[in-house]
Amino acid sequence: MEVLVAFGILSVILALLFVAIHQTERTITSVESGSRFERKMEIIRYLLREELLGAYLNPNDPLTTFIGFPNREHHRETDSLLFTTLAQTRLSQSSPVSHLEGIQYLLFKSPGSDLFTLVHEQNTNLLSYGTQAVIPEKLLGDVWSLRIRYFDGMLWTDRWNSVQSHSLPLLTRFDIIVVDGKGEKRIFFEEVQIPQTTLNQNQGGGNEIPEGSGSTGN
């Protein structure tokens, strides 16, 4: 009889241990998943800050732009932003201008889903010497919506057109809603103050490019 009681107690203890271990594994998996998401968000944050802090505009140079497009699809914001930045990649240091005429953030529809993928594109400059294509980079999947707003010093607006305003916004804010593995929506935002010292600059940092000189951008 005592053996049966001891065996019963042992069974209960083992069952409790199994439940505890299973819950611990689920907690660790959840924490790791959350950590991966936070790390990915921090990488996107860094990229946004780096490129927007280097945003520049020269009204005399048609290749420099800062244009924000408000869009909606499935009753959700799917905005996009195209701009030139001093942080742009250069494919050839010998080129008089960058091979890239603009960086763009936009959403692509995910196949077989009502969600989107956040994509980072660097557009080829047709006036450059090179013809190498730049492949769009997928930054984030399972995106529910992307809203981009711009502050002009007085008001926030959902669009910006440097061709008309000949200026850069003082602040740019990204609001991204992502659907996690549990089907829950997670909100991520980043607000960047754009230095106005980059207005009227070229990629070499001055107001004019001396004849025969190359750009000194990244």
C-alpha atoms as a PDB file:
ATOM      1  CA  MET A   1       0.000   0.000   0.000  1.00  0.00           C
ATOM      2  CA  GLU A   2       2.797   2.397   0.897  1.00  0.00           C
ATOM      3  CA  VAL A   3       4.477   1.612  -2.406  1.00  0.00           C
ATOM      4  CA  LEU A   4       1.322   2.526  -4.312  1.00  0.00           C
ATOM      5  CA  VAL A   5       1.010   5.809  -2.385  1.00  0.00           C
ATOM      6  CA  ALA A   6       4.654   6.636  -3.037  1.00  0.00           C
ATOM      7  CA  PHE A   7       4.209   5.774  -6.704  1.00  0.00           C
ATOM      8  CA  GLY A   8       1.130   8.012  -6.875  1.00  0.00           C
ATOM      9  CA  ILE A   9       2.977  10.906  -5.257  1.00  0.00           C
ATOM     10  CA  LEU A  10       5.893  10.426  -7.639  1.00  0.00           C
ATOM     11  CA  SER A  11       3.506  10.443 -10.615  1.00  0.00           C
ATOM     12  CA  VAL A  12       1.980  13.724  -9.437  1.00  0.00           C
ATOM     13  CA  ILE A  13       5.423  15.292  -8.963  1.00  0.00           C
ATOM     14  CA  LEU A  14       6.536  14.148 -12.430  1.00  0.00           C
ATOM     15  CA  ALA A  15       3.358  15.529 -13.975  1.00  0.00           C
ATOM     16  CA  LEU A  16       3.908  18.890 -12.255  1.00  0.00           C
ATOM     17  CA  LEU A  17       7.534  18.927 -13.418  1.00  0.00           C
ATOM     18  CA  PHE A  18       6.438  18.163 -16.980  1.00  0.00           C
ATOM     19  CA  VAL A  19       3.933  21.034 -16.910  1.00  0.00           C
ATOM     20  CA  ALA A  20       6.545  23.391 -15.417  1.00  0.00           C
ATOM     21  CA  ILE A  21       9.149  22.427 -18.021  1.00  0.00           C
ATOM     22  CA  HIS A  22       6.625  22.805 -20.848  1.00  0.00           C
ATOM     23  CA  GLN A  23       5.592  26.252 -19.595  1.00  0.00           C
ATOM     24  CA  THR A  24       9.251  27.263 -19.237  1.00  0.00           C
ATOM     25  CA  GLU A  25       9.955  26.189 -22.827  1.00  0.00           C
ATOM     26  CA  ARG A  26       6.979  28.190 -24.058  1.00  0.00           C
ATOM     27  CA  THR A  27       8.145  31.213 -22.070  1.00  0.00           C
ATOM     28  CA  ILE A  28      11.681  30.926 -23.456  1.00  0.00           C
ATOM     29  CA  THR A  29      10.327  30.569 -27.009  1.00  0.00           C
ATOM     30  CA  SER A  30       8.104  33.614 -26.511  1.00  0.00           C
ATOM     31  CA  VAL A  31      10.975  35.665 -25.084  1.00  0.00           C
ATOM     32  CA  GLU A  32      13.310  34.601 -27.905  1.00  0.00           C
ATOM     33  CA  SER A  33      10.647  35.473 -30.475  1.00  0.00           C
ATOM     34  CA  GLY A  34      10.116  38.844 -28.833  1.00  0.00           C
ATOM     35  CA  SER A  35      13.856  39.439 -28.694  1.00  0.00           C
ATOM     36  CA  ARG A  36      14.204  38.649 -32.407  1.00  0.00           C
ATOM     37  CA  PHE A  37      11.394  41.068 -33.183  1.00  0.00           C
ATOM     38  CA  GLU A  38      12.972  43.790 -31.032  1.00  0.00           C
ATOM     39  CA  ARG A  39      16.373  43.237 -32.671  1.00  0.00           C
ATOM     40  CA  LYS A  40      14.817  43.459 -36.125  1.00  0.00           C
ATOM     41  CA  MET A  41      12.955  46.619 -35.146  1.00  0.00           C
ATOM     42  CA  GLU A  42      16.176  48.154 -33.825  1.00  0.00           C
ATOM     43  CA  ILE A  43      17.949  47.424 -37.137  1.00  0.00           C
ATOM     44  CA  ILE A  44      15.113  49.112 -39.057  1.00  0.00           C
ATOM     45  CA  ARG A  45      15.208  52.022 -36.595  1.00  0.00           C
ATOM     46  CA  TYR A  46      18.928  52.461 -37.208  1.00  0.00           C
ATOM     47  CA  LEU A  47      18.508  52.347 -40.988  1.00  0.00           C
ATOM     48  CA  LEU A  48      15.696  54.914 -40.924  1.00  0.00           C
ATOM     49  CA  ARG A  49      17.664  57.269 -38.681  1.00  0.00           C
ATOM     50  CA  GLU A  50      20.872  56.971 -40.703  1.00  0.00           C
ATOM     51  CA  GLU A  51      19.240  57.617 -44.060  1.00  0.00           C
ATOM     52  CA  LEU A  52      16.823  60.333 -42.927  1.00  0.00           C
ATOM     53  CA  LEU A  53      19.534  62.197 -40.999  1.00  0.00           C
ATOM     54  CA  GLY A  54      21.455  62.286 -44.278  1.00  0.00           C
ATOM     55  CA  ALA A  55      18.487  63.397 -46.402  1.00  0.00           C
ATOM     56  CA  TYR A  56      19.502  66.279 -48.662  1.00  0.00           C
ATOM     57  CA  LEU A  57      17.903  68.467 -51.287  1.00  0.00           C
ATOM     58  CA  ASN A  58      19.265  70.800 -53.933  1.00  0.00           C
ATOM     59  CA  PRO A  59      16.468  72.619 -55.826  1.00  0.00           C
ATOM     60  CA  ASN A  60      18.882  73.120 -58.741  1.00  0.00           C
ATOM     61  CA  ASP A  61      19.492  69.385 -59.030  1.00  0.00           C
ATOM     62  CA  PRO A  62      16.469  67.431 -60.343  1.00  0.00           C
ATOM     63  CA  LEU A  63      18.009  64.174 -59.077  1.00  0.00           C
ATOM     64  CA  THR A  64      17.534  65.242 -55.448  1.00  0.00           C
ATOM     65  CA  THR A  65      14.034  64.706 -54.106  1.00  0.00           C
ATOM     66  CA  PHE A  66      11.989  64.115 -50.980  1.00  0.00           C
ATOM     67  CA  ILE A  67       8.542  62.888 -51.890  1.00  0.00           C
ATOM     68  CA  GLY A  68       6.049  61.164 -49.610  1.00  0.00           C
ATOM     69  CA  PHE A  69       3.043  59.391 -51.121  1.00  0.00           C
ATOM     70  CA  PRO A  70      -0.074  58.646 -49.024  1.00  0.00           C
ATOM     71  CA  ASN A  71      -1.711  55.397 -50.125  1.00  0.00           C
ATOM     72  CA  ARG A  72      -4.496  53.133 -48.887  1.00  0.00           C
ATOM     73  CA  GLU A  73      -5.203  49.489 -49.636  1.00  0.00           C
ATOM     74  CA  HIS A  74      -7.798  47.287 -47.929  1.00  0.00           C
ATOM     75  CA  HIS A  75      -8.754  50.355 -45.843  1.00  0.00           C
ATOM     76  CA  ARG A  76      -5.227  50.534 -44.401  1.00  0.00           C
ATOM     77  CA  GLU A  77      -2.377  53.011 -44.790  1.00  0.00           C
ATOM     78  CA  THR A  78       0.270  51.779 -47.241  1.00  0.00           C
ATOM     79  CA  ASP A  79       2.333  54.949 -47.586  1.00  0.00           C
ATOM     80  CA  SER A  80       5.685  55.242 -49.345  1.00  0.00           C
ATOM     81  CA  LEU A  81       8.635  57.630 -49.259  1.00  0.00           C
ATOM     82  CA  LEU A  82      11.263  58.418 -51.913  1.00  0.00           C
ATOM     83  CA  PHE A  83      14.253  60.640 -51.087  1.00  0.00           C
ATOM     84  CA  THR A  84      17.938  61.238 -51.746  1.00  0.00           C
ATOM     85  CA  THR A  85      20.400  60.920 -48.900  1.00  0.00           C
ATOM     86  CA  LEU A  86      24.097  61.304 -48.194  1.00  0.00           C
ATOM     87  CA  ALA A  87      23.959  57.777 -46.761  1.00  0.00           C
ATOM     88  CA  GLN A  88      23.348  56.208 -50.186  1.00  0.00           C
ATOM     89  CA  THR A  89      25.503  53.327 -51.336  1.00  0.00           C
ATOM     90  CA  ARG A  90      27.939  53.952 -54.170  1.00  0.00           C
ATOM     91  CA  LEU A  91      28.686  51.171 -56.656  1.00  0.00           C
ATOM     92  CA  SER A  92      31.693  52.898 -58.221  1.00  0.00           C
ATOM     93  CA  GLN A  93      33.901  55.501 -56.558  1.00  0.00           C
ATOM     94  CA  SER A  94      34.985  56.837 -59.971  1.00  0.00           C
ATOM     95  CA  SER A  95      31.451  57.903 -60.917  1.00  0.00           C
ATOM     96  CA  PRO A  96      30.916  61.708 -60.922  1.00  0.00           C
ATOM     97  CA  VAL A  97      27.537  61.145 -59.271  1.00  0.00           C
ATOM     98  CA  SER A  98      26.079  58.308 -57.275  1.00  0.00           C
ATOM     99  CA  HIS A  99      24.649  55.354 -59.192  1.00  0.00           C
ATOM    100  CA  LEU A 100      21.577  55.792 -57.045  1.00  0.00           C
ATOM    101  CA  GLU A 101      19.078  58.573 -57.540  1.00  0.00           C
ATOM    102  CA  GLY A 102      16.890  57.792 -54.542  1.00  0.00           C
ATOM    103  CA  ILE A 103      16.035  55.541 -51.635  1.00  0.00           C
ATOM    104  CA  GLN A 104      12.480  54.360 -51.263  1.00  0.00           C
ATOM    105  CA  TYR A 105      10.495  52.740 -48.451  1.00  0.00           C
ATOM    106  CA  LEU A 106       7.282  51.050 -49.572  1.00  0.00           C
ATOM    107  CA  LEU A 107       5.030  48.042 -49.014  1.00  0.00           C
ATOM    108  CA  PHE A 108       4.691  45.041 -51.317  1.00  0.00           C
ATOM    109  CA  LYS A 109       1.671  42.738 -51.070  1.00  0.00           C
ATOM    110  CA  SER A 110       2.640  39.393 -49.549  1.00  0.00           C
ATOM    111  CA  PRO A 111       1.556  36.485 -51.837  1.00  0.00           C
ATOM    112  CA  GLY A 112      -1.478  34.599 -50.555  1.00  0.00           C
ATOM    113  CA  SER A 113      -1.976  36.962 -47.645  1.00  0.00           C
ATOM    114  CA  ASP A 114      -3.704  40.212 -46.781  1.00  0.00           C
ATOM    115  CA  LEU A 115      -0.468  41.417 -45.145  1.00  0.00           C
ATOM    116  CA  PHE A 116       2.446  43.342 -46.657  1.00  0.00           C
ATOM    117  CA  THR A 117       6.236  43.304 -46.721  1.00  0.00           C
ATOM    118  CA  LEU A 118       8.217  46.454 -45.965  1.00  0.00           C
ATOM    119  CA  VAL A 119      10.788  46.920 -48.722  1.00  0.00           C
ATOM    120  CA  HIS A 120      13.844  49.173 -48.995  1.00  0.00           C
ATOM    121  CA  GLU A 121      14.826  50.105 -52.557  1.00  0.00           C
ATOM    122  CA  GLN A 122      17.760  52.039 -53.967  1.00  0.00           C
ATOM    123  CA  ASN A 123      16.914  53.302 -57.431  1.00  0.00           C
ATOM    124  CA  THR A 124      19.466  53.292 -60.236  1.00  0.00           C
ATOM    125  CA  ASN A 125      20.557  56.679 -61.564  1.00  0.00           C
ATOM    126  CA  LEU A 126      20.330  56.588 -65.368  1.00  0.00           C
ATOM    127  CA  LEU A 127      23.002  59.331 -65.655  1.00  0.00           C
ATOM    128  CA  SER A 128      25.645  57.255 -63.871  1.00  0.00           C
ATOM    129  CA  TYR A 129      28.351  55.291 -65.647  1.00  0.00           C
ATOM    130  CA  GLY A 130      27.314  51.950 -64.225  1.00  0.00           C
ATOM    131  CA  THR A 131      24.480  49.638 -65.172  1.00  0.00           C
ATOM    132  CA  GLN A 132      24.567  47.312 -62.165  1.00  0.00           C
ATOM    133  CA  ALA A 133      21.091  46.728 -60.764  1.00  0.00           C
ATOM    134  CA  VAL A 134      20.311  47.154 -57.093  1.00  0.00           C
ATOM    135  CA  ILE A 135      18.043  44.452 -55.678  1.00  0.00           C
ATOM    136  CA  PRO A 136      15.205  45.601 -53.374  1.00  0.00           C
ATOM    137  CA  GLU A 137      15.793  44.562 -49.769  1.00  0.00           C
ATOM    138  CA  LYS A 138      12.971  43.019 -47.742  1.00  0.00           C
ATOM    139  CA  LEU A 139      13.106  44.581 -44.295  1.00  0.00           C
ATOM    140  CA  LEU A 140      10.018  43.232 -42.527  1.00  0.00           C
ATOM    141  CA  GLY A 141       7.194  40.808 -43.240  1.00  0.00           C
ATOM    142  CA  ASP A 142       3.658  40.486 -41.856  1.00  0.00           C
ATOM    143  CA  VAL A 143       3.094  44.244 -41.971  1.00  0.00           C
ATOM    144  CA  TRP A 144      -0.507  45.335 -41.400  1.00  0.00           C
ATOM    145  CA  SER A 145      -0.031  49.007 -42.291  1.00  0.00           C
ATOM    146  CA  LEU A 146       2.546  51.751 -42.792  1.00  0.00           C
ATOM    147  CA  ARG A 147       1.767  55.406 -42.135  1.00  0.00           C
ATOM    148  CA  ILE A 148       4.326  58.154 -42.800  1.00  0.00           C
ATOM    149  CA  ARG A 149       3.769  61.753 -41.697  1.00  0.00           C
ATOM    150  CA  TYR A 150       5.753  64.963 -42.085  1.00  0.00           C
ATOM    151  CA  PHE A 151       6.023  68.064 -39.881  1.00  0.00           C
ATOM    152  CA  ASP A 152       6.674  71.440 -41.518  1.00  0.00           C
ATOM    153  CA  GLY A 153       7.152  73.387 -38.282  1.00  0.00           C
ATOM    154  CA  MET A 154       3.455  74.104 -37.751  1.00  0.00           C
ATOM    155  CA  LEU A 155       1.375  71.160 -38.963  1.00  0.00           C
ATOM    156  CA  TRP A 156       1.655  67.429 -39.563  1.00  0.00           C
ATOM    157  CA  THR A 157       0.736  66.263 -43.055  1.00  0.00           C
ATOM    158  CA  ASP A 158       0.491  62.866 -44.759  1.00  0.00           C
ATOM    159  CA  ARG A 159       2.278  63.950 -47.952  1.00  0.00           C
ATOM    160  CA  TRP A 160       5.407  65.836 -48.992  1.00  0.00           C
ATOM    161  CA  ASN A 161       6.553  66.996 -52.411  1.00  0.00           C
ATOM    162  CA  SER A 162       9.927  68.735 -52.548  1.00  0.00           C
ATOM    163  CA  VAL A 163       9.376  69.572 -56.235  1.00  0.00           C
ATOM    164  CA  GLN A 164       6.640  71.966 -55.123  1.00  0.00           C
ATOM    165  CA  SER A 165       7.886  73.017 -51.670  1.00  0.00           C
ATOM    166  CA  HIS A 166      11.653  73.102 -52.421  1.00  0.00           C
ATOM    167  CA  SER A 167      12.202  72.075 -48.823  1.00  0.00           C
ATOM    168  CA  LEU A 168      12.657  69.174 -46.427  1.00  0.00           C
ATOM    169  CA  PRO A 169      10.289  68.434 -43.540  1.00  0.00           C
ATOM    170  CA  LEU A 170      11.543  69.186 -40.044  1.00  0.00           C
ATOM    171  CA  LEU A 171      10.348  65.812 -38.753  1.00  0.00           C
ATOM    172  CA  THR A 172       9.366  62.532 -40.371  1.00  0.00           C
ATOM    173  CA  ARG A 173       7.441  59.870 -38.453  1.00  0.00           C
ATOM    174  CA  PHE A 174       6.922  56.226 -39.382  1.00  0.00           C
ATOM    175  CA  ASP A 175       4.086  54.232 -37.766  1.00  0.00           C
ATOM    176  CA  ILE A 176       4.243  50.522 -38.593  1.00  0.00           C
ATOM    177  CA  ILE A 177       1.754  47.900 -37.404  1.00  0.00           C
ATOM    178  CA  VAL A 178       2.999  44.301 -37.566  1.00  0.00           C
ATOM    179  CA  VAL A 179       1.073  41.070 -36.965  1.00  0.00           C
ATOM    180  CA  ASP A 180       3.081  38.675 -34.779  1.00  0.00           C
ATOM    181  CA  GLY A 181       2.988  34.866 -34.685  1.00  0.00           C
ATOM    182  CA  LYS A 182       0.025  34.921 -32.304  1.00  0.00           C
ATOM    183  CA  GLY A 183      -2.010  37.061 -34.679  1.00  0.00           C
ATOM    184  CA  GLU A 184      -1.702  40.086 -32.395  1.00  0.00           C
ATOM    185  CA  LYS A 185      -0.898  43.528 -33.746  1.00  0.00           C
ATOM    186  CA  ARG A 186       2.268  45.212 -32.523  1.00  0.00           C
ATOM    187  CA  ILE A 187       2.921  48.915 -33.074  1.00  0.00           C
ATOM    188  CA  PHE A 188       6.352  50.289 -33.938  1.00  0.00           C
ATOM    189  CA  PHE A 189       7.160  53.931 -34.596  1.00  0.00           C
ATOM    190  CA  GLU A 190      10.198  56.073 -35.293  1.00  0.00           C
ATOM    191  CA  GLU A 191      10.375  59.863 -35.451  1.00  0.00           C
ATOM    192  CA  VAL A 192      13.430  61.509 -37.006  1.00  0.00           C
ATOM    193  CA  GLN A 193      14.389  65.176 -37.011  1.00  0.00           C
ATOM    194  CA  ILE A 194      15.962  66.039 -40.360  1.00  0.00           C
ATOM    195  CA  PRO A 195      18.894  68.500 -40.179  1.00  0.00           C
ATOM    196  CA  GLN A 196      18.123  71.509 -42.371  1.00  0.00           C
ATOM    197  CA  THR A 197      21.851  71.987 -43.035  1.00  0.00           C
ATOM    198  CA  THR A 198      21.528  69.385 -45.806  1.00  0.00           C
ATOM    199  CA  LEU A 199      19.208  71.671 -47.794  1.00  0.00           C
ATOM    200  CA  ASN A 200      20.804  72.962 -51.026  1.00  0.00           C
ATOM    201  CA  GLN A 201      23.759  70.588 -50.667  1.00  0.00           C
ATOM    202  CA  ASN A 202      25.133  68.144 -53.176  1.00  0.00           C
ATOM    203  CA  GLN A 203      26.617  64.751 -52.434  1.00  0.00           C
ATOM    204  CA  GLY A 204      30.062  66.230 -52.007  1.00  0.00           C
ATOM    205  CA  GLY A 205      28.819  68.419 -49.168  1.00  0.00           C
ATOM    206  CA  GLY A 206      29.118  71.801 -50.949  1.00  0.00           C
ATOM    207  CA  ASN A 207      26.809  73.959 -53.008  1.00  0.00           C
ATOM    208  CA  GLU A 208      28.560  73.208 -56.294  1.00  0.00           C
ATOM    209  CA  ILE A 209      30.585  70.340 -57.725  1.00  0.00           C
ATOM    210  CA  PRO A 210      33.902  71.586 -59.193  1.00  0.00           C
ATOM    211  CA  GLU A 211      34.466  70.504 -62.771  1.00  0.00           C
ATOM    212  CA  GLY A 212      36.244  67.166 -63.021  1.00  0.00           C
ATOM    213  CA  SER A 213      35.822  66.288 -59.350  1.00  0.00           C
ATOM    214  CA  GLY A 214      34.020  63.233 -58.041  1.00  0.00           C
ATOM    215  CA  SER A 215      31.464  62.955 -55.256  1.00  0.00           C
ATOM    216  CA  THR A 216      32.760  62.063 -51.825  1.00  0.00           C
ATOM    217  CA  GLY A 217      29.577  60.384 -50.577  1.00  0.00           C
ATOM    218  CA  ASN A 218      29.540  56.913 -49.027  1.00  0.00           C
END
